[in-house]
Protein backbone atom coordinates (compact mmCIF):
# COMPACT_ATOMS: atom_id res chain seq x y z
CA UNK A 1 -257.02 4.69 -20.60
CA UNK A 2 -253.65 2.93 -20.63
CA UNK A 3 -253.34 -0.37 -18.77
CA UNK A 4 -250.51 -2.79 -18.19
CA UNK A 5 -250.93 -6.54 -17.83
CA UNK A 6 -248.61 -9.42 -17.13
CA UNK A 7 -249.19 -12.48 -19.28
CA UNK A 8 -247.63 -15.27 -17.24
CA UNK A 9 -247.14 -18.82 -18.47
CA UNK A 10 -247.20 -21.93 -16.35
CA UNK A 11 -244.19 -24.19 -16.55
CA UNK A 12 -246.71 -26.93 -17.48
CA UNK A 13 -247.61 -25.02 -20.63
CA UNK A 14 -246.00 -25.75 -24.00
CA UNK A 15 -246.30 -22.04 -24.79
CA UNK A 16 -243.17 -19.96 -24.18
CA UNK A 17 -243.08 -16.24 -23.44
CA UNK A 18 -241.45 -15.74 -26.83
CA UNK A 19 -244.46 -17.46 -28.50
CA UNK A 20 -246.75 -14.98 -26.78
CA UNK A 21 -244.55 -12.05 -27.79
CA UNK A 22 -244.57 -13.21 -31.41
CA UNK A 23 -248.39 -13.48 -31.35
CA UNK A 24 -248.57 -9.91 -30.02
CA UNK A 25 -246.11 -8.57 -32.60
CA UNK A 26 -247.99 -10.42 -35.34
CA UNK A 27 -251.33 -8.96 -34.26
CA UNK A 28 -250.33 -5.53 -35.55
CA UNK A 29 -251.91 -3.88 -32.48
CA UNK A 30 -250.29 -0.76 -31.10
CA UNK A 31 -249.04 -1.89 -27.72
CA UNK A 32 -245.74 -1.91 -25.89
CA UNK A 33 -244.33 -5.36 -25.20
CA UNK A 34 -241.65 -6.41 -22.74
CA UNK A 35 -240.60 -10.03 -22.31
CA UNK A 36 -239.82 -11.11 -18.75
CA UNK A 37 -238.61 -14.33 -17.20
CA UNK A 38 -242.21 -15.23 -16.26
CA UNK A 39 -243.98 -14.16 -19.43
CA UNK A 40 -244.73 -10.91 -21.20
CA UNK A 41 -245.75 -7.47 -20.02
CA UNK A 42 -248.10 -5.56 -22.35
CA UNK A 43 -249.11 -1.92 -22.13
CA UNK A 44 -251.68 -0.10 -24.22
CA UNK A 45 -255.23 1.13 -24.50
CA UNK A 46 -257.62 -0.86 -22.31
CA UNK A 47 -259.89 -2.09 -25.12
CA UNK A 48 -256.93 -3.14 -27.30
CA UNK A 49 -255.33 -5.01 -24.38
CA UNK A 50 -258.64 -6.76 -23.57
CA UNK A 51 -258.92 -8.06 -27.16
CA UNK A 52 -255.28 -9.06 -27.20
CA UNK A 53 -255.59 -10.95 -23.90
CA UNK A 54 -258.56 -12.87 -25.32
CA UNK A 55 -256.47 -13.85 -28.37
CA UNK A 56 -253.46 -14.84 -26.29
CA UNK A 57 -255.50 -17.10 -23.99
CA UNK A 58 -256.57 -19.19 -26.98
CA UNK A 59 -252.96 -20.43 -27.21
CA UNK A 60 -253.38 -22.33 -23.94
CA UNK A 61 -256.56 -21.58 -21.94
CA UNK A 62 -255.32 -23.50 -18.88
CA UNK A 63 -251.65 -22.49 -18.91
CA UNK A 64 -251.73 -18.73 -19.49
CA UNK A 65 -252.59 -16.37 -16.67
CA UNK A 66 -253.23 -12.64 -16.76
CA UNK A 67 -252.37 -10.24 -13.94
CA UNK A 68 -252.81 -6.47 -13.73
CA UNK A 69 -249.75 -4.33 -13.18
CA UNK A 70 -250.02 -0.84 -11.74
CA UNK A 71 -247.09 0.66 -13.65
CA UNK A 72 -246.09 0.60 -17.32
CA UNK A 73 -242.78 -1.01 -18.36
CA UNK A 74 -239.84 1.28 -17.67
CA UNK A 75 -241.69 3.39 -15.11
CA UNK A 76 -238.97 5.05 -12.97
CA UNK A 77 -240.85 4.12 -9.77
CA UNK A 78 -240.40 0.42 -10.57
CA UNK A 79 -237.57 0.16 -13.09
CA UNK A 80 -234.60 -1.50 -11.40
CA UNK A 81 -232.23 0.04 -13.96
CA UNK A 82 -233.02 3.45 -12.53
CA UNK A 83 -233.08 2.32 -8.91
CA UNK A 84 -229.56 0.90 -8.93
CA UNK A 85 -230.31 -2.79 -9.63
CA UNK A 86 -231.64 -5.62 -7.55
CA UNK A 87 -235.00 -7.30 -7.75
CA UNK A 88 -237.86 -4.95 -8.52
CA UNK A 89 -240.62 -4.63 -5.94
CA UNK A 90 -243.16 -7.38 -6.54
CA UNK A 91 -240.70 -9.80 -8.18
CA UNK A 92 -240.74 -12.22 -5.26
CA UNK A 93 -244.53 -12.26 -5.19
CA UNK A 94 -244.74 -13.15 -8.88
CA UNK A 95 -242.05 -15.76 -8.35
CA UNK A 96 -244.04 -17.42 -5.56
CA UNK A 97 -247.29 -17.24 -7.57
CA UNK A 98 -245.55 -18.77 -10.60
CA UNK A 99 -244.62 -21.82 -8.51
CA UNK A 100 -248.34 -22.49 -7.94
CA UNK A 101 -249.35 -22.19 -11.58
CA UNK A 102 -248.52 -25.81 -12.61
CA UNK A 103 -251.00 -27.13 -10.02
CA UNK A 104 -253.65 -24.61 -11.13
CA UNK A 105 -253.03 -25.55 -14.77
CA UNK A 106 -253.51 -29.26 -14.04
CA UNK A 107 -256.66 -28.57 -12.02
CA UNK A 108 -258.16 -26.42 -14.78
CA UNK A 109 -257.35 -29.03 -17.41
CA UNK A 110 -258.71 -31.95 -15.37
CA UNK A 111 -261.56 -33.62 -17.16
CA UNK A 112 -262.28 -36.46 -14.78
CA UNK A 113 -265.76 -37.54 -13.86
CA UNK A 114 -267.55 -35.08 -11.65
CA UNK A 115 -268.60 -37.20 -8.73
CA UNK A 116 -271.71 -36.62 -6.77
CA UNK A 117 -270.97 -35.26 -3.33
CA UNK A 118 -271.45 -37.91 -0.64
CA UNK A 119 -274.98 -37.95 0.75
CA UNK A 120 -275.36 -35.74 3.75
CA UNK A 121 -276.24 -37.43 6.96
CA UNK A 122 -279.65 -36.49 8.21
CA UNK A 123 -279.76 -34.48 11.36
CA UNK A 124 -280.71 -36.37 14.44
CA UNK A 125 -283.98 -35.13 15.84
CA UNK A 126 -283.99 -34.12 19.45
CA UNK A 127 -286.58 -36.74 20.42
CA UNK A 128 -284.46 -39.51 18.89
CA UNK A 129 -281.38 -38.24 20.71
CA UNK A 130 -283.27 -38.31 23.99
CA UNK A 131 -284.35 -41.90 23.27
CA UNK A 132 -280.76 -42.95 22.59
CA UNK A 133 -279.58 -41.34 25.81
CA UNK A 134 -282.33 -43.02 27.85
CA UNK A 135 -281.51 -46.40 26.28
CA UNK A 136 -277.84 -45.90 27.14
CA UNK A 137 -278.62 -45.03 30.74
CA UNK A 138 -280.86 -48.03 31.25
């Protein structure tokens, strides 16, 4: 089964879309590759793409994100060249998601000390609550 994936890089990452494309080309795998302003789109057999994604993520485990795409590159239902130009459907969603990626990258890379959660306050038993109320009324 053919699948298409976006490989999107965070602006916090040192890896460029062209680095990812070169890794894909160098892998010798039979896939279609299209570079975009956010990363790379890859299309091919599902098992080949899964292996390739695993290899790509080793470049920057916290700064490379993978997203499924429902249509292959150049599909006439999505290709803006065939629709008369303009932003393709979904562009603005990817653009807004890409703005969040630097924060996600920093959070994933954070290696600070894992603090214990603050101790939970014990529940007040009903009898004790009644005692407090009676003391207050006296």
